[in-house]
Amino acid sequence: MSNNLINEIKEKLVNEVCNINLTIQKEEIDTNVGLLKKNIIDSHGFVELVIFIEEQFNLKLNKDEINDKNFASINAISKFIYSKAKK
């Protein structure tokens, strides 16, 4: 697994979360915690994030891939994007 590529993905996700929630700073985002559980983004923000992922990384996500495991945290999302992009 390429840590550099995963870190680049993570950085893009953190930046987008800050674009979605203008009240939060990058330094405040713990990449190990759930974005919805910690109220970092709401359900509308989650949809925006999914659309961003599909457009930014040129991926088509299936409904069954948008789940608690793959979207548990920014770290989990980054690893999911990396593994899906490799296919």
Protein backbone atom coordinates (compact mmCIF):
# COMPACT_ATOMS: atom_id res chain seq x y z
CA MET A 1 0.00 0.00 0.00
CA SER A 2 1.44 3.36 -0.96
CA ASN A 3 1.42 5.57 2.13
CA ASN A 4 2.26 8.64 0.06
CA LEU A 5 -0.76 8.17 -2.17
CA ILE A 6 -3.04 7.47 0.79
CA ASN A 7 -1.75 10.62 2.50
CA GLU A 8 -2.51 12.64 -0.65
CA ILE A 9 -6.04 11.23 -0.71
CA LYS A 10 -6.43 12.00 2.99
CA GLU A 11 -5.28 15.60 2.46
CA LYS A 12 -7.82 16.11 -0.34
CA LEU A 13 -10.59 14.68 1.84
CA VAL A 14 -9.68 16.89 4.81
CA ASN A 15 -9.65 19.96 2.55
CA GLU A 16 -13.06 19.03 1.14
CA VAL A 17 -14.51 18.48 4.61
CA CYS A 18 -13.33 22.01 5.47
CA ASN A 19 -15.07 23.27 2.31
CA ILE A 20 -18.26 21.49 3.32
CA ASN A 21 -18.14 22.65 6.95
CA LEU A 22 -16.76 26.18 6.91
CA THR A 23 -16.73 26.33 10.73
CA ILE A 24 -13.96 23.74 11.13
CA GLN A 25 -10.22 24.03 10.60
CA LYS A 26 -8.00 21.28 9.18
CA GLU A 27 -6.17 20.95 12.49
CA GLU A 28 -9.43 20.14 14.27
CA ILE A 29 -10.19 17.08 12.15
CA ASP A 30 -9.17 13.77 13.68
CA THR A 31 -8.79 11.42 10.72
CA ASN A 32 -9.53 8.42 12.96
CA VAL A 33 -13.05 9.41 14.01
CA GLY A 34 -16.37 9.32 12.23
CA LEU A 35 -17.37 12.50 10.45
CA LEU A 36 -21.08 12.02 11.08
CA LYS A 37 -20.71 10.70 14.63
CA LYS A 38 -18.66 13.72 15.67
CA ASN A 39 -20.99 16.13 13.81
CA ILE A 40 -18.16 17.31 11.59
CA ILE A 41 -20.52 16.97 8.63
CA ASP A 42 -24.25 16.33 8.49
CA SER A 43 -26.16 14.09 6.10
CA HIS A 44 -26.15 16.73 3.37
CA GLY A 45 -22.41 17.16 3.83
CA PHE A 46 -21.99 13.41 3.58
CA VAL A 47 -23.74 13.41 0.20
CA GLU A 48 -21.50 16.28 -0.91
CA LEU A 49 -18.45 14.27 0.18
CA VAL A 50 -19.57 11.20 -1.78
CA ILE A 51 -20.10 13.33 -4.90
CA PHE A 52 -16.67 14.91 -4.38
CA ILE A 53 -15.06 11.46 -4.11
CA GLU A 54 -16.72 10.25 -7.31
CA GLU A 55 -15.70 13.36 -9.24
CA GLN A 56 -12.24 13.95 -7.78
CA PHE A 57 -11.08 10.34 -8.00
CA ASN A 58 -13.11 9.38 -11.08
CA LEU A 59 -14.90 6.58 -9.24
CA LYS A 60 -18.43 5.26 -9.36
CA LEU A 61 -19.51 4.13 -5.91
CA ASN A 62 -22.12 1.42 -5.55
CA LYS A 63 -24.76 1.77 -2.83
CA ASP A 64 -23.35 -1.22 -0.95
CA GLU A 65 -19.88 0.39 -0.84
CA ILE A 66 -21.19 3.43 1.03
CA ASN A 67 -21.22 1.78 4.41
CA ASP A 68 -19.98 2.18 7.99
CA LYS A 69 -16.80 0.22 7.31
CA ASN A 70 -15.62 2.15 4.24
CA PHE A 71 -16.74 5.53 5.60
CA ALA A 72 -15.88 5.03 9.28
CA SER A 73 -13.30 7.85 9.22
CA ILE A 74 -11.14 9.84 6.83
CA ASN A 75 -8.46 7.18 7.22
CA ALA A 76 -10.94 4.46 6.29
CA ILE A 77 -12.27 6.46 3.33
CA SER A 78 -8.72 7.08 2.10
CA LYS A 79 -7.86 3.37 2.19
CA PHE A 80 -11.15 2.52 0.48
CA ILE A 81 -10.51 5.04 -2.32
CA TYR A 82 -6.97 3.74 -2.76
CA SER A 83 -8.10 0.12 -3.00
CA LYS A 84 -10.98 0.94 -5.36
CA ALA A 85 -8.77 3.10 -7.63
CA LYS A 86 -6.26 0.25 -7.95
CA LYS A 87 -8.87 -2.04 -9.54
